[in-house]
Amino acid sequence: MGPHHLPQQNTITTGTTSLVSTNKLANFNIQENFVTGGTATLSYNNTFSEQNAYLNLFNPVTTAYFDLVVAQPLLQGFGLALNNRTIRVAKNNLRAADIVFKQQVVVTVGTVVQATGCW
């Protein structure tokens, strides 16, 4: 956010003819999902505020915090069987593709042997 200008009616109480407020934000989140259905989220939030008014006792002001949230569902979405299903499906598809490949090799070898009359 850029500076925000606000004209002032009384320069004695504010100390300026135009109040300029500047706010800067720096926030991020990182989330990790677990095979049990749980999640962990780490958040960092930082705000820096500054004004050009010299009568403001708390100037500049910065607020920051870290937040760690760990959640584990105990009913819906809980368990390894539910959350590993995509991995099991992928492994089964890999096994099926391997069997199809082996079958194609056997058929190809059989066709070559039959065509060359080696038996």
PDB file of N, CA and C in Angstrom:
ATOM      1  N   MET A   1       0.842  -1.164   0.000  1.00  0.00           N
ATOM      2  CA  MET A   1       0.000   0.000   0.000  1.00  0.00           C
ATOM      3  C   MET A   1       0.890   1.231   0.000  1.00  0.00           C
ATOM      4  N   GLY A   2       0.549   2.203  -0.778  1.00  0.00           N
ATOM      5  CA  GLY A   2       1.326   3.422  -0.833  1.00  0.00           C
ATOM      6  C   GLY A   2       0.864   4.424   0.203  1.00  0.00           C
ATOM      7  N   PRO A   3       1.517   5.582   0.236  1.00  0.00           N
ATOM      8  CA  PRO A   3       1.133   6.624   1.190  1.00  0.00           C
ATOM      9  C   PRO A   3      -0.277   7.134   0.905  1.00  0.00           C
ATOM     10  N   HIS A   4      -0.974   7.494   1.968  1.00  0.00           N
ATOM     11  CA  HIS A   4      -2.313   8.038   1.869  1.00  0.00           C
ATOM     12  C   HIS A   4      -2.280   9.462   2.424  1.00  0.00           C
ATOM     13  N   HIS A   5      -2.662  10.472   1.617  1.00  0.00           N
ATOM     14  CA  HIS A   5      -2.630  11.884   2.012  1.00  0.00           C
ATOM     15  C   HIS A   5      -4.023  12.319   2.444  1.00  0.00           C
ATOM     16  N   LEU A   6      -4.090  13.023   3.588  1.00  0.00           N
ATOM     17  CA  LEU A   6      -5.357  13.515   4.108  1.00  0.00           C
ATOM     18  C   LEU A   6      -5.149  14.945   4.606  1.00  0.00           C
ATOM     19  N   PRO A   7      -5.767  15.953   3.956  1.00  0.00           N
ATOM     20  CA  PRO A   7      -5.607  17.344   4.409  1.00  0.00           C
ATOM     21  C   PRO A   7      -6.101  17.516   5.847  1.00  0.00           C
ATOM     22  N   GLN A   8      -5.387  18.333   6.621  1.00  0.00           N
ATOM     23  CA  GLN A   8      -5.729  18.574   8.022  1.00  0.00           C
ATOM     24  C   GLN A   8      -6.277  19.996   8.188  1.00  0.00           C
ATOM     25  N   GLN A   9      -7.324  20.138   9.026  1.00  0.00           N
ATOM     26  CA  GLN A   9      -7.930  21.457   9.255  1.00  0.00           C
ATOM     27  C   GLN A   9      -7.169  22.263  10.300  1.00  0.00           C
ATOM     28  N   ASN A  10      -6.533  21.573  11.253  1.00  0.00           N
ATOM     29  CA  ASN A  10      -5.872  22.272  12.341  1.00  0.00           C
ATOM     30  C   ASN A  10      -4.423  21.781  12.440  1.00  0.00           C
ATOM     31  N   THR A  11      -3.486  22.637  12.054  1.00  0.00           N
ATOM     32  CA  THR A  11      -2.080  22.231  12.074  1.00  0.00           C
ATOM     33  C   THR A  11      -1.501  22.221  13.486  1.00  0.00           C
ATOM     34  N   ILE A  12      -2.158  22.886  14.422  1.00  0.00           N
ATOM     35  CA  ILE A  12      -1.642  22.932  15.800  1.00  0.00           C
ATOM     36  C   ILE A  12      -1.831  21.577  16.480  1.00  0.00           C
ATOM     37  N   THR A  13      -2.985  20.935  16.292  1.00  0.00           N
ATOM     38  CA  THR A  13      -3.239  19.656  16.962  1.00  0.00           C
ATOM     39  C   THR A  13      -2.613  18.483  16.225  1.00  0.00           C
ATOM     40  N   THR A  14      -2.470  18.604  14.911  1.00  0.00           N
ATOM     41  CA  THR A  14      -1.907  17.489  14.154  1.00  0.00           C
ATOM     42  C   THR A  14      -0.429  17.655  13.871  1.00  0.00           C
ATOM     43  N   GLY A  15       0.033  18.884  13.798  1.00  0.00           N
ATOM     44  CA  GLY A  15       1.444  19.147  13.530  1.00  0.00           C
ATOM     45  C   GLY A  15       1.782  19.130  12.060  1.00  0.00           C
ATOM     46  N   THR A  16       0.786  19.070  11.185  1.00  0.00           N
ATOM     47  CA  THR A  16       1.054  19.053   9.751  1.00  0.00           C
ATOM     48  C   THR A  16      -0.174  19.552   8.997  1.00  0.00           C
ATOM     49  N   THR A  17       0.053  20.041   7.779  1.00  0.00           N
ATOM     50  CA  THR A  17      -1.082  20.486   6.954  1.00  0.00           C
ATOM     51  C   THR A  17      -1.704  19.336   6.186  1.00  0.00           C
ATOM     52  N   SER A  18      -0.907  18.323   5.915  1.00  0.00           N
ATOM     53  CA  SER A  18      -1.402  17.147   5.190  1.00  0.00           C
ATOM     54  C   SER A  18      -0.860  15.900   5.868  1.00  0.00           C
ATOM     55  N   LEU A  19      -1.748  15.125   6.453  1.00  0.00           N
ATOM     56  CA  LEU A  19      -1.355  13.920   7.154  1.00  0.00           C
ATOM     57  C   LEU A  19      -1.052  12.824   6.126  1.00  0.00           C
ATOM     58  N   VAL A  20       0.167  12.302   6.189  1.00  0.00           N
ATOM     59  CA  VAL A  20       0.585  11.245   5.265  1.00  0.00           C
ATOM     60  C   VAL A  20       0.759   9.963   6.074  1.00  0.00           C
ATOM     61  N   SER A  21      -0.036   8.965   5.739  1.00  0.00           N
ATOM     62  CA  SER A  21       0.048   7.661   6.404  1.00  0.00           C
ATOM     63  C   SER A  21       0.609   6.645   5.423  1.00  0.00           C
ATOM     64  N   THR A  22       1.586   5.888   5.884  1.00  0.00           N
ATOM     65  CA  THR A  22       2.198   4.848   5.062  1.00  0.00           C
ATOM     66  C   THR A  22       2.065   3.518   5.795  1.00  0.00           C
ATOM     67  N   ASN A  23       1.556   2.510   5.106  1.00  0.00           N
ATOM     68  CA  ASN A  23       1.407   1.166   5.673  1.00  0.00           C
ATOM     69  C   ASN A  23       2.123   0.166   4.771  1.00  0.00           C
ATOM     70  N   LYS A  24       2.878  -0.724   5.391  1.00  0.00           N
ATOM     71  CA  LYS A  24       3.568  -1.776   4.651  1.00  0.00           C
ATOM     72  C   LYS A  24       3.207  -3.110   5.285  1.00  0.00           C
ATOM     73  N   LEU A  25       2.896  -4.090   4.459  1.00  0.00           N
ATOM     74  CA  LEU A  25       2.514  -5.407   4.927  1.00  0.00           C
ATOM     75  C   LEU A  25       3.475  -6.457   4.398  1.00  0.00           C
ATOM     76  N   ALA A  26       3.773  -7.448   5.230  1.00  0.00           N
ATOM     77  CA  ALA A  26       4.583  -8.599   4.811  1.00  0.00           C
ATOM     78  C   ALA A  26       3.974  -9.832   5.477  1.00  0.00           C
ATOM     79  N   ASN A  27       3.226 -10.596   4.721  1.00  0.00           N
ATOM     80  CA  ASN A  27       2.524 -11.759   5.265  1.00  0.00           C
ATOM     81  C   ASN A  27       2.813 -12.992   4.407  1.00  0.00           C
ATOM     82  N   PHE A  28       2.919 -14.178   5.056  1.00  0.00           N
ATOM     83  CA  PHE A  28       3.009 -15.417   4.292  1.00  0.00           C
ATOM     84  C   PHE A  28       2.482 -16.573   5.124  1.00  0.00           C
ATOM     85  N   ASN A  29       2.070 -17.626   4.436  1.00  0.00           N
ATOM     86  CA  ASN A  29       1.574 -18.856   5.064  1.00  0.00           C
ATOM     87  C   ASN A  29       2.246 -20.051   4.409  1.00  0.00           C
ATOM     88  N   ILE A  30       2.541 -21.066   5.207  1.00  0.00           N
ATOM     89  CA  ILE A  30       3.047 -22.341   4.707  1.00  0.00           C
ATOM     90  C   ILE A  30       2.157 -23.423   5.309  1.00  0.00           C
ATOM     91  N   GLN A  31       1.675 -24.332   4.448  1.00  0.00           N
ATOM     92  CA  GLN A  31       0.808 -25.401   4.946  1.00  0.00           C
ATOM     93  C   GLN A  31       1.350 -26.756   4.515  1.00  0.00           C
ATOM     94  N   GLU A  32       1.285 -27.728   5.423  1.00  0.00           N
ATOM     95  CA  GLU A  32       1.705 -29.107   5.156  1.00  0.00           C
ATOM     96  C   GLU A  32       0.530 -30.021   5.473  1.00  0.00           C
ATOM     97  N   ASN A  33       0.239 -30.920   4.543  1.00  0.00           N
ATOM     98  CA  ASN A  33      -0.821 -31.904   4.741  1.00  0.00           C
ATOM     99  C   ASN A  33      -0.193 -33.243   5.108  1.00  0.00           C
ATOM    100  N   PHE A  34      -0.845 -33.964   6.028  1.00  0.00           N
ATOM    101  CA  PHE A  34      -0.355 -35.256   6.479  1.00  0.00           C
ATOM    102  C   PHE A  34      -1.279 -36.367   6.003  1.00  0.00           C
ATOM    103  N   VAL A  35      -0.735 -37.599   5.882  1.00  0.00           N
ATOM    104  CA  VAL A  35      -1.531 -38.719   5.386  1.00  0.00           C
ATOM    105  C   VAL A  35      -2.623 -39.128   6.365  1.00  0.00           C
ATOM    106  N   THR A  36      -2.564 -38.657   7.588  1.00  0.00           N
ATOM    107  CA  THR A  36      -3.626 -38.946   8.556  1.00  0.00           C
ATOM    108  C   THR A  36      -4.832 -38.036   8.353  1.00  0.00           C
ATOM    109  N   GLY A  37      -4.723 -37.060   7.454  1.00  0.00           N
ATOM    110  CA  GLY A  37      -5.801 -36.106   7.219  1.00  0.00           C
ATOM    111  C   GLY A  37      -5.570 -34.794   7.931  1.00  0.00           C
ATOM    112  N   GLY A  38      -4.523 -34.705   8.739  1.00  0.00           N
ATOM    113  CA  GLY A  38      -4.231 -33.485   9.487  1.00  0.00           C
ATOM    114  C   GLY A  38      -3.473 -32.471   8.655  1.00  0.00           C
ATOM    115  N   THR A  39      -3.449 -31.251   9.156  1.00  0.00           N
ATOM    116  CA  THR A  39      -2.712 -30.178   8.500  1.00  0.00           C
ATOM    117  C   THR A  39      -1.962 -29.370   9.556  1.00  0.00           C
ATOM    118  N   ALA A  40      -0.863 -28.753   9.124  1.00  0.00           N
ATOM    119  CA  ALA A  40      -0.128 -27.810   9.956  1.00  0.00           C
ATOM    120  C   ALA A  40       0.104 -26.562   9.116  1.00  0.00           C
ATOM    121  N   THR A  41      -0.244 -25.410   9.670  1.00  0.00           N
ATOM    122  CA  THR A  41      -0.102 -24.147   8.952  1.00  0.00           C
ATOM    123  C   THR A  41       0.711 -23.181   9.801  1.00  0.00           C
ATOM    124  N   LEU A  42       1.788 -22.648   9.219  1.00  0.00           N
ATOM    125  CA  LEU A  42       2.617 -21.651   9.874  1.00  0.00           C
ATOM    126  C   LEU A  42       2.392 -20.326   9.154  1.00  0.00           C
ATOM    127  N   SER A  43       2.007 -19.297   9.906  1.00  0.00           N
ATOM    128  CA  SER A  43       1.723 -17.985   9.332  1.00  0.00           C
ATOM    129  C   SER A  43       2.619 -16.931   9.966  1.00  0.00           C
ATOM    130  N   TYR A  44       3.029 -15.967   9.156  1.00  0.00           N
ATOM    131  CA  TYR A  44       3.773 -14.807   9.652  1.00  0.00           C
ATOM    132  C   TYR A  44       3.073 -13.569   9.116  1.00  0.00           C
ATOM    133  N   ASN A  45       2.731 -12.662   9.994  1.00  0.00           N
ATOM    134  CA  ASN A  45       2.067 -11.417   9.606  1.00  0.00           C
ATOM    135  C   ASN A  45       2.837 -10.247  10.205  1.00  0.00           C
ATOM    136  N   ASN A  46       3.112  -9.243   9.379  1.00  0.00           N
ATOM    137  CA  ASN A  46       3.863  -8.079   9.820  1.00  0.00           C
ATOM    138  C   ASN A  46       3.250  -6.835   9.189  1.00  0.00           C
ATOM    139  N   THR A  47       2.967  -5.829  10.015  1.00  0.00           N
ATOM    140  CA  THR A  47       2.428  -4.561   9.546  1.00  0.00           C
ATOM    141  C   THR A  47       3.296  -3.433  10.086  1.00  0.00           C
ATOM    142  N   PHE A  48       3.681  -2.516   9.203  1.00  0.00           N
ATOM    143  CA  PHE A  48       4.465  -1.339   9.589  1.00  0.00           C
ATOM    144  C   PHE A  48       3.662  -0.107   9.184  1.00  0.00           C
ATOM    145  N   SER A  49       3.339   0.746  10.151  1.00  0.00           N
ATOM    146  CA  SER A  49       2.560   1.964   9.892  1.00  0.00           C
ATOM    147  C   SER A  49       3.352   3.176  10.360  1.00  0.00           C
ATOM    148  N   GLU A  50       3.297   4.224   9.533  1.00  0.00           N
ATOM    149  CA  GLU A  50       4.037   5.441   9.852  1.00  0.00           C
ATOM    150  C   GLU A  50       3.217   6.650   9.405  1.00  0.00           C
ATOM    151  N   GLN A  51       3.270   7.736  10.218  1.00  0.00           N
ATOM    152  CA  GLN A  51       2.598   8.991   9.872  1.00  0.00           C
ATOM    153  C   GLN A  51       3.595  10.138  10.017  1.00  0.00           C
ATOM    154  N   ASN A  52       3.337  11.231   9.307  1.00  0.00           N
ATOM    155  CA  ASN A  52       4.231  12.384   9.385  1.00  0.00           C
ATOM    156  C   ASN A  52       3.845  13.348  10.514  1.00  0.00           C
ATOM    157  N   ALA A  53       2.809  13.020  11.310  1.00  0.00           N
ATOM    158  CA  ALA A  53       2.383  13.885  12.414  1.00  0.00           C
ATOM    159  C   ALA A  53       3.350  13.726  13.583  1.00  0.00           C
ATOM    160  N   TYR A  54       3.963  14.812  14.023  1.00  0.00           N
ATOM    161  CA  TYR A  54       4.952  14.718  15.099  1.00  0.00           C
ATOM    162  C   TYR A  54       4.297  14.602  16.474  1.00  0.00           C
ATOM    163  N   LEU A  55       2.985  14.856  16.577  1.00  0.00           N
ATOM    164  CA  LEU A  55       2.302  14.738  17.859  1.00  0.00           C
ATOM    165  C   LEU A  55       1.839  13.316  18.159  1.00  0.00           C
ATOM    166  N   ASN A  56       2.030  12.421  17.206  1.00  0.00           N
ATOM    167  CA  ASN A  56       1.642  11.025  17.396  1.00  0.00           C
ATOM    168  C   ASN A  56       2.729  10.342  18.232  1.00  0.00           C
ATOM    169  N   LEU A  57       2.379   9.906  19.457  1.00  0.00           N
ATOM    170  CA  LEU A  57       3.373   9.311  20.352  1.00  0.00           C
ATOM    171  C   LEU A  57       3.841   7.938  19.885  1.00  0.00           C
ATOM    172  N   PHE A  58       2.977   7.201  19.207  1.00  0.00           N
ATOM    173  CA  PHE A  58       3.313   5.848  18.747  1.00  0.00           C
ATOM    174  C   PHE A  58       3.545   5.885  17.242  1.00  0.00           C
ATOM    175  N   ASN A  59       4.693   6.389  16.857  1.00  0.00           N
ATOM    176  CA  ASN A  59       4.981   6.547  15.443  1.00  0.00           C
ATOM    177  C   ASN A  59       6.464   6.281  15.209  1.00  0.00           C
ATOM    178  N   PRO A  60       6.891   5.371  14.432  1.00  0.00           N
ATOM    179  CA  PRO A  60       6.076   4.411  13.683  1.00  0.00           C
ATOM    180  C   PRO A  60       5.610   3.251  14.579  1.00  0.00           C
ATOM    181  N   VAL A  61       4.690   2.480  14.060  1.00  0.00           N
ATOM    182  CA  VAL A  61       4.146   1.325  14.776  1.00  0.00           C
ATOM    183  C   VAL A  61       4.362   0.087  13.925  1.00  0.00           C
ATOM    184  N   THR A  62       4.878  -0.954  14.538  1.00  0.00           N
ATOM    185  CA  THR A  62       5.004  -2.228  13.825  1.00  0.00           C
ATOM    186  C   THR A  62       4.401  -3.328  14.684  1.00  0.00           C
ATOM    187  N   THR A  63       3.652  -4.179  14.039  1.00  0.00           N
ATOM    188  CA  THR A  63       3.065  -5.328  14.730  1.00  0.00           C
ATOM    189  C   THR A  63       3.393  -6.564  13.908  1.00  0.00           C
ATOM    190  N   ALA A  64       3.809  -7.621  14.589  1.00  0.00           N
ATOM    191  CA  ALA A  64       4.168  -8.851  13.900  1.00  0.00           C
ATOM    192  C   ALA A  64       3.828 -10.035  14.793  1.00  0.00           C
ATOM    193  N   TYR A  65       3.480 -11.147  14.144  1.00  0.00           N
ATOM    194  CA  TYR A  65       3.263 -12.364  14.925  1.00  0.00           C
ATOM    195  C   TYR A  65       3.435 -13.593  14.050  1.00  0.00           C
ATOM    196  N   PHE A  66       3.856 -14.685  14.711  1.00  0.00           N
ATOM    197  CA  PHE A  66       3.893 -16.009  14.113  1.00  0.00           C
ATOM    198  C   PHE A  66       2.703 -16.778  14.657  1.00  0.00           C
ATOM    199  N   ASP A  67       2.148 -17.626  13.831  1.00  0.00           N
ATOM    200  CA  ASP A  67       0.995 -18.411  14.243  1.00  0.00           C
ATOM    201  C   ASP A  67       1.158 -19.821  13.689  1.00  0.00           C
ATOM    202  N   LEU A  68       1.085 -20.823  14.546  1.00  0.00           N
ATOM    203  CA  LEU A  68       1.159 -22.219  14.128  1.00  0.00           C
ATOM    204  C   LEU A  68      -0.146 -22.896  14.508  1.00  0.00           C
ATOM    205  N   VAL A  69      -0.838 -23.427  13.494  1.00  0.00           N
ATOM    206  CA  VAL A  69      -2.108 -24.114  13.721  1.00  0.00           C
ATOM    207  C   VAL A  69      -1.955 -25.557  13.236  1.00  0.00           C
ATOM    208  N   VAL A  70      -2.198 -26.505  14.131  1.00  0.00           N
ATOM    209  CA  VAL A  70      -2.178 -27.921  13.782  1.00  0.00           C
ATOM    210  C   VAL A  70      -3.592 -28.451  13.974  1.00  0.00           C
ATOM    211  N   ALA A  71      -4.142 -29.056  12.930  1.00  0.00           N
ATOM    212  CA  ALA A  71      -5.508 -29.581  12.983  1.00  0.00           C
ATOM    213  C   ALA A  71      -5.493 -31.049  12.563  1.00  0.00           C
ATOM    214  N   GLN A  72      -6.202 -31.866  13.308  1.00  0.00           N
ATOM    215  CA  GLN A  72      -6.328 -33.284  12.998  1.00  0.00           C
ATOM    216  C   GLN A  72      -7.796 -33.675  13.127  1.00  0.00           C
ATOM    217  N   PRO A  73      -8.477 -33.952  11.999  1.00  0.00           N
ATOM    218  CA  PRO A  73      -9.875 -34.375  12.098  1.00  0.00           C
ATOM    219  C   PRO A  73      -9.976 -35.749  12.751  1.00  0.00           C
ATOM    220  N   LEU A  74     -10.945 -35.902  13.615  1.00  0.00           N
ATOM    221  CA  LEU A  74     -11.135 -37.173  14.303  1.00  0.00           C
ATOM    222  C   LEU A  74     -12.299 -37.978  13.736  1.00  0.00           C
ATOM    223  N   LEU A  75     -13.125 -37.388  12.922  1.00  0.00           N
ATOM    224  CA  LEU A  75     -14.251 -38.114  12.317  1.00  0.00           C
ATOM    225  C   LEU A  75     -14.114 -38.093  10.795  1.00  0.00           C
ATOM    226  N   GLN A  76     -14.704 -37.133  10.134  1.00  0.00           N
ATOM    227  CA  GLN A  76     -14.641 -37.071   8.675  1.00  0.00           C
ATOM    228  C   GLN A  76     -13.231 -36.721   8.215  1.00  0.00           C
ATOM    229  N   GLY A  77     -12.692 -37.484   7.268  1.00  0.00           N
ATOM    230  CA  GLY A  77     -11.366 -37.213   6.729  1.00  0.00           C
ATOM    231  C   GLY A  77     -10.227 -37.777   7.547  1.00  0.00           C
ATOM    232  N   PHE A  78     -10.518 -38.606   8.566  1.00  0.00           N
ATOM    233  CA  PHE A  78      -9.458 -39.128   9.420  1.00  0.00           C
ATOM    234  C   PHE A  78      -9.013 -40.495   8.933  1.00  0.00           C
ATOM    235  N   GLY A  79      -7.736 -40.781   9.021  1.00  0.00           N
ATOM    236  CA  GLY A  79      -7.221 -42.124   8.804  1.00  0.00           C
ATOM    237  C   GLY A  79      -6.331 -42.266   7.597  1.00  0.00           C
ATOM    238  N   LEU A  80      -5.426 -43.274   7.705  1.00  0.00           N
ATOM    239  CA  LEU A  80      -4.492 -43.542   6.621  1.00  0.00           C
ATOM    240  C   LEU A  80      -5.195 -44.112   5.394  1.00  0.00           C
ATOM    241  N   ALA A  81      -6.188 -44.988   5.625  1.00  0.00           N
ATOM    242  CA  ALA A  81      -6.862 -45.638   4.496  1.00  0.00           C
ATOM    243  C   ALA A  81      -7.521 -44.608   3.588  1.00  0.00           C
ATOM    244  N   LEU A  82      -8.152 -43.628   4.171  1.00  0.00           N
ATOM    245  CA  LEU A  82      -8.838 -42.597   3.386  1.00  0.00           C
ATOM    246  C   LEU A  82      -7.852 -41.698   2.652  1.00  0.00           C
ATOM    247  N   ASN A  83      -6.799 -41.287   3.328  1.00  0.00           N
ATOM    248  CA  ASN A  83      -5.888 -40.313   2.748  1.00  0.00           C
ATOM    249  C   ASN A  83      -4.789 -40.936   1.895  1.00  0.00           C
ATOM    250  N   ASN A  84      -4.584 -42.247   1.973  1.00  0.00           N
ATOM    251  CA  ASN A  84      -3.610 -42.934   1.121  1.00  0.00           C
ATOM    252  C   ASN A  84      -4.243 -43.502  -0.145  1.00  0.00           C
ATOM    253  N   ARG A  85      -5.530 -43.288  -0.341  1.00  0.00           N
ATOM    254  CA  ARG A  85      -6.222 -43.941  -1.459  1.00  0.00           C
ATOM    255  C   ARG A  85      -5.637 -43.563  -2.818  1.00  0.00           C
ATOM    256  N   THR A  86      -5.240 -42.309  -3.005  1.00  0.00           N
ATOM    257  CA  THR A  86      -4.673 -41.919  -4.309  1.00  0.00           C
ATOM    258  C   THR A  86      -3.322 -42.598  -4.535  1.00  0.00           C
ATOM    259  N   ILE A  87      -2.550 -42.798  -3.451  1.00  0.00           N
ATOM    260  CA  ILE A  87      -1.267 -43.491  -3.582  1.00  0.00           C
ATOM    261  C   ILE A  87      -1.499 -44.960  -3.933  1.00  0.00           C
ATOM    262  N   ARG A  88      -2.482 -45.595  -3.279  1.00  0.00           N
ATOM    263  CA  ARG A  88      -2.791 -47.002  -3.583  1.00  0.00           C
ATOM    264  C   ARG A  88      -3.302 -47.159  -5.012  1.00  0.00           C
ATOM    265  N   VAL A  89      -4.142 -46.238  -5.466  1.00  0.00           N
ATOM    266  CA  VAL A  89      -4.641 -46.291  -6.849  1.00  0.00           C
ATOM    267  C   VAL A  89      -3.485 -46.154  -7.826  1.00  0.00           C
ATOM    268  N   ALA A  90      -2.548 -45.235  -7.557  1.00  0.00           N
ATOM    269  CA  ALA A  90      -1.397 -45.043  -8.445  1.00  0.00           C
ATOM    270  C   ALA A  90      -0.523 -46.291  -8.477  1.00  0.00           C
ATOM    271  N   LYS A  91      -0.304 -46.934  -7.316  1.00  0.00           N
ATOM    272  CA  LYS A  91       0.500 -48.162  -7.289  1.00  0.00           C
ATOM    273  C   LYS A  91      -0.193 -49.285  -8.041  1.00  0.00           C
ATOM    274  N   ASN A  92      -1.513 -49.412  -7.885  1.00  0.00           N
ATOM    275  CA  ASN A  92      -2.255 -50.436  -8.623  1.00  0.00           C
ATOM    276  C   ASN A  92      -2.214 -50.183 -10.126  1.00  0.00           C
ATOM    277  N   ASN A  93      -2.317 -48.926 -10.532  1.00  0.00           N
ATOM    278  CA  ASN A  93      -2.214 -48.593 -11.956  1.00  0.00           C
ATOM    279  C   ASN A  93      -0.824 -48.919 -12.496  1.00  0.00           C
ATOM    280  N   LEU A  94       0.204 -48.704 -11.690  1.00  0.00           N
ATOM    281  CA  LEU A  94       1.572 -49.028 -12.103  1.00  0.00           C
ATOM    282  C   LEU A  94       1.735 -50.534 -12.274  1.00  0.00           C
ATOM    283  N   ARG A  95       1.179 -51.325 -11.324  1.00  0.00           N
ATOM    284  CA  ARG A  95       1.245 -52.782 -11.450  1.00  0.00           C
ATOM    285  C   ARG A  95       0.500 -53.270 -12.692  1.00  0.00           C
ATOM    286  N   ALA A  96      -0.672 -52.673 -12.937  1.00  0.00           N
ATOM    287  CA  ALA A  96      -1.453 -53.066 -14.114  1.00  0.00           C
ATOM    288  C   ALA A  96      -0.700 -52.734 -15.403  1.00  0.00           C
ATOM    289  N   ALA A  97      -0.067 -51.567 -15.458  1.00  0.00           N
ATOM    290  CA  ALA A  97       0.706 -51.192 -16.642  1.00  0.00           C
ATOM    291  C   ALA A  97       1.883 -52.128 -16.829  1.00  0.00           C
ATOM    292  N   ASP A  98       2.519 -52.551 -15.737  1.00  0.00           N
ATOM    293  CA  ASP A  98       3.637 -53.489 -15.817  1.00  0.00           C
ATOM    294  C   ASP A  98       3.174 -54.845 -16.358  1.00  0.00           C
ATOM    295  N   ILE A  99       2.015 -55.320 -15.907  1.00  0.00           N
ATOM    296  CA  ILE A  99       1.481 -56.599 -16.396  1.00  0.00           C
ATOM    297  C   ILE A  99       1.132 -56.507 -17.876  1.00  0.00           C
ATOM    298  N   VAL A 100       0.529 -55.386 -18.291  1.00  0.00           N
ATOM    299  CA  VAL A 100       0.199 -55.198 -19.718  1.00  0.00           C
ATOM    300  C   VAL A 100       1.473 -55.183 -20.552  1.00  0.00           C
ATOM    301  N   PHE A 101       2.532 -54.528 -20.060  1.00  0.00           N
ATOM    302  CA  PHE A 101       3.798 -54.495 -20.781  1.00  0.00           C
ATOM    303  C   PHE A 101       4.382 -55.904 -20.927  1.00  0.00           C
ATOM    304  N   LYS A 102       4.365 -56.676 -19.830  1.00  0.00           N
ATOM    305  CA  LYS A 102       4.888 -58.046 -19.887  1.00  0.00           C
ATOM    306  C   LYS A 102       4.076 -58.892 -20.870  1.00  0.00           C
ATOM    307  N   GLN A 103       2.770 -58.697 -20.875  1.00  0.00           N
ATOM    308  CA  GLN A 103       1.916 -59.440 -21.809  1.00  0.00           C
ATOM    309  C   GLN A 103       2.265 -59.075 -23.254  1.00  0.00           C
ATOM    310  N   GLN A 104       2.507 -57.785 -23.516  1.00  0.00           N
ATOM    311  CA  GLN A 104       2.871 -57.369 -24.873  1.00  0.00           C
ATOM    312  C   GLN A 104       4.217 -57.956 -25.290  1.00  0.00           C
ATOM    313  N   VAL A 105       5.166 -58.058 -24.354  1.00  0.00           N
ATOM    314  CA  VAL A 105       6.468 -58.668 -24.651  1.00  0.00           C
ATOM    315  C   VAL A 105       6.283 -60.142 -25.008  1.00  0.00           C
ATOM    316  N   VAL A 106       5.459 -60.863 -24.222  1.00  0.00           N
ATOM    317  CA  VAL A 106       5.230 -62.287 -24.495  1.00  0.00           C
ATOM    318  C   VAL A 106       4.588 -62.474 -25.864  1.00  0.00           C
ATOM    319  N   VAL A 107       3.593 -61.655 -26.182  1.00  0.00           N
ATOM    320  CA  VAL A 107       2.925 -61.771 -27.483  1.00  0.00           C
ATOM    321  C   VAL A 107       3.891 -61.452 -28.611  1.00  0.00           C
ATOM    322  N   THR A 108       4.718 -60.415 -28.442  1.00  0.00           N
ATOM    323  CA  THR A 108       5.678 -60.037 -29.485  1.00  0.00           C
ATOM    324  C   THR A 108       6.716 -61.131 -29.694  1.00  0.00           C
ATOM    325  N   VAL A 109       7.249 -61.686 -28.599  1.00  0.00           N
ATOM    326  CA  VAL A 109       8.227 -62.771 -28.714  1.00  0.00           C
ATOM    327  C   VAL A 109       7.588 -63.988 -29.375  1.00  0.00           C
ATOM    328  N   GLY A 110       6.365 -64.302 -28.977  1.00  0.00           N
ATOM    329  CA  GLY A 110       5.664 -65.434 -29.589  1.00  0.00           C
ATOM    330  C   GLY A 110       5.445 -65.229 -31.079  1.00  0.00           C
ATOM    331  N   THR A 111       5.117 -64.022 -31.472  1.00  0.00           N
ATOM    332  CA  THR A 111       4.909 -63.735 -32.899  1.00  0.00           C
ATOM    333  C   THR A 111       6.209 -63.855 -33.675  1.00  0.00           C
ATOM    334  N   VAL A 112       7.306 -63.361 -33.108  1.00  0.00           N
ATOM    335  CA  VAL A 112       8.613 -63.454 -33.779  1.00  0.00           C
ATOM    336  C   VAL A 112       9.038 -64.915 -33.895  1.00  0.00           C
ATOM    337  N   VAL A 113       8.860 -65.697 -32.820  1.00  0.00           N
ATOM    338  CA  VAL A 113       9.241 -67.115 -32.844  1.00  0.00           C
ATOM    339  C   VAL A 113       8.411 -67.855 -33.888  1.00  0.00           C
ATOM    340  N   GLN A 114       7.136 -67.551 -33.925  1.00  0.00           N
ATOM    341  CA  GLN A 114       6.253 -68.234 -34.880  1.00  0.00           C
ATOM    342  C   GLN A 114       6.601 -67.849 -36.313  1.00  0.00           C
ATOM    343  N   ALA A 115       6.957 -66.578 -36.532  1.00  0.00           N
ATOM    344  CA  ALA A 115       7.289 -66.118 -37.889  1.00  0.00           C
ATOM    345  C   ALA A 115       8.603 -66.672 -38.364  1.00  0.00           C
ATOM    346  N   THR A 116       9.565 -66.897 -37.472  1.00  0.00           N
ATOM    347  CA  THR A 116      10.876 -67.394 -37.884  1.00  0.00           C
ATOM    348  C   THR A 116      10.934 -68.920 -37.895  1.00  0.00           C
ATOM    349  N   GLY A 117       9.939 -69.559 -37.293  1.00  0.00           N
ATOM    350  CA  GLY A 117       9.894 -71.008 -37.267  1.00  0.00           C
ATOM    351  C   GLY A 117      10.958 -71.642 -36.419  1.00  0.00           C
ATOM    352  N   CYS A 118      11.343 -70.987 -35.335  1.00  0.00           N
ATOM    353  CA  CYS A 118      12.396 -71.511 -34.460  1.00  0.00           C
ATOM    354  C   CYS A 118      11.940 -72.690 -33.632  1.00  0.00           C
ATOM    355  N   TRP A 119      10.696 -72.937 -33.459  1.00  0.00           N
ATOM    356  CA  TRP A 119      10.225 -74.048 -32.609  1.00  0.00           C
ATOM    357  C   TRP A 119      10.217 -75.280 -33.388  1.00  0.00           C
TER     358      TRP A 119
END
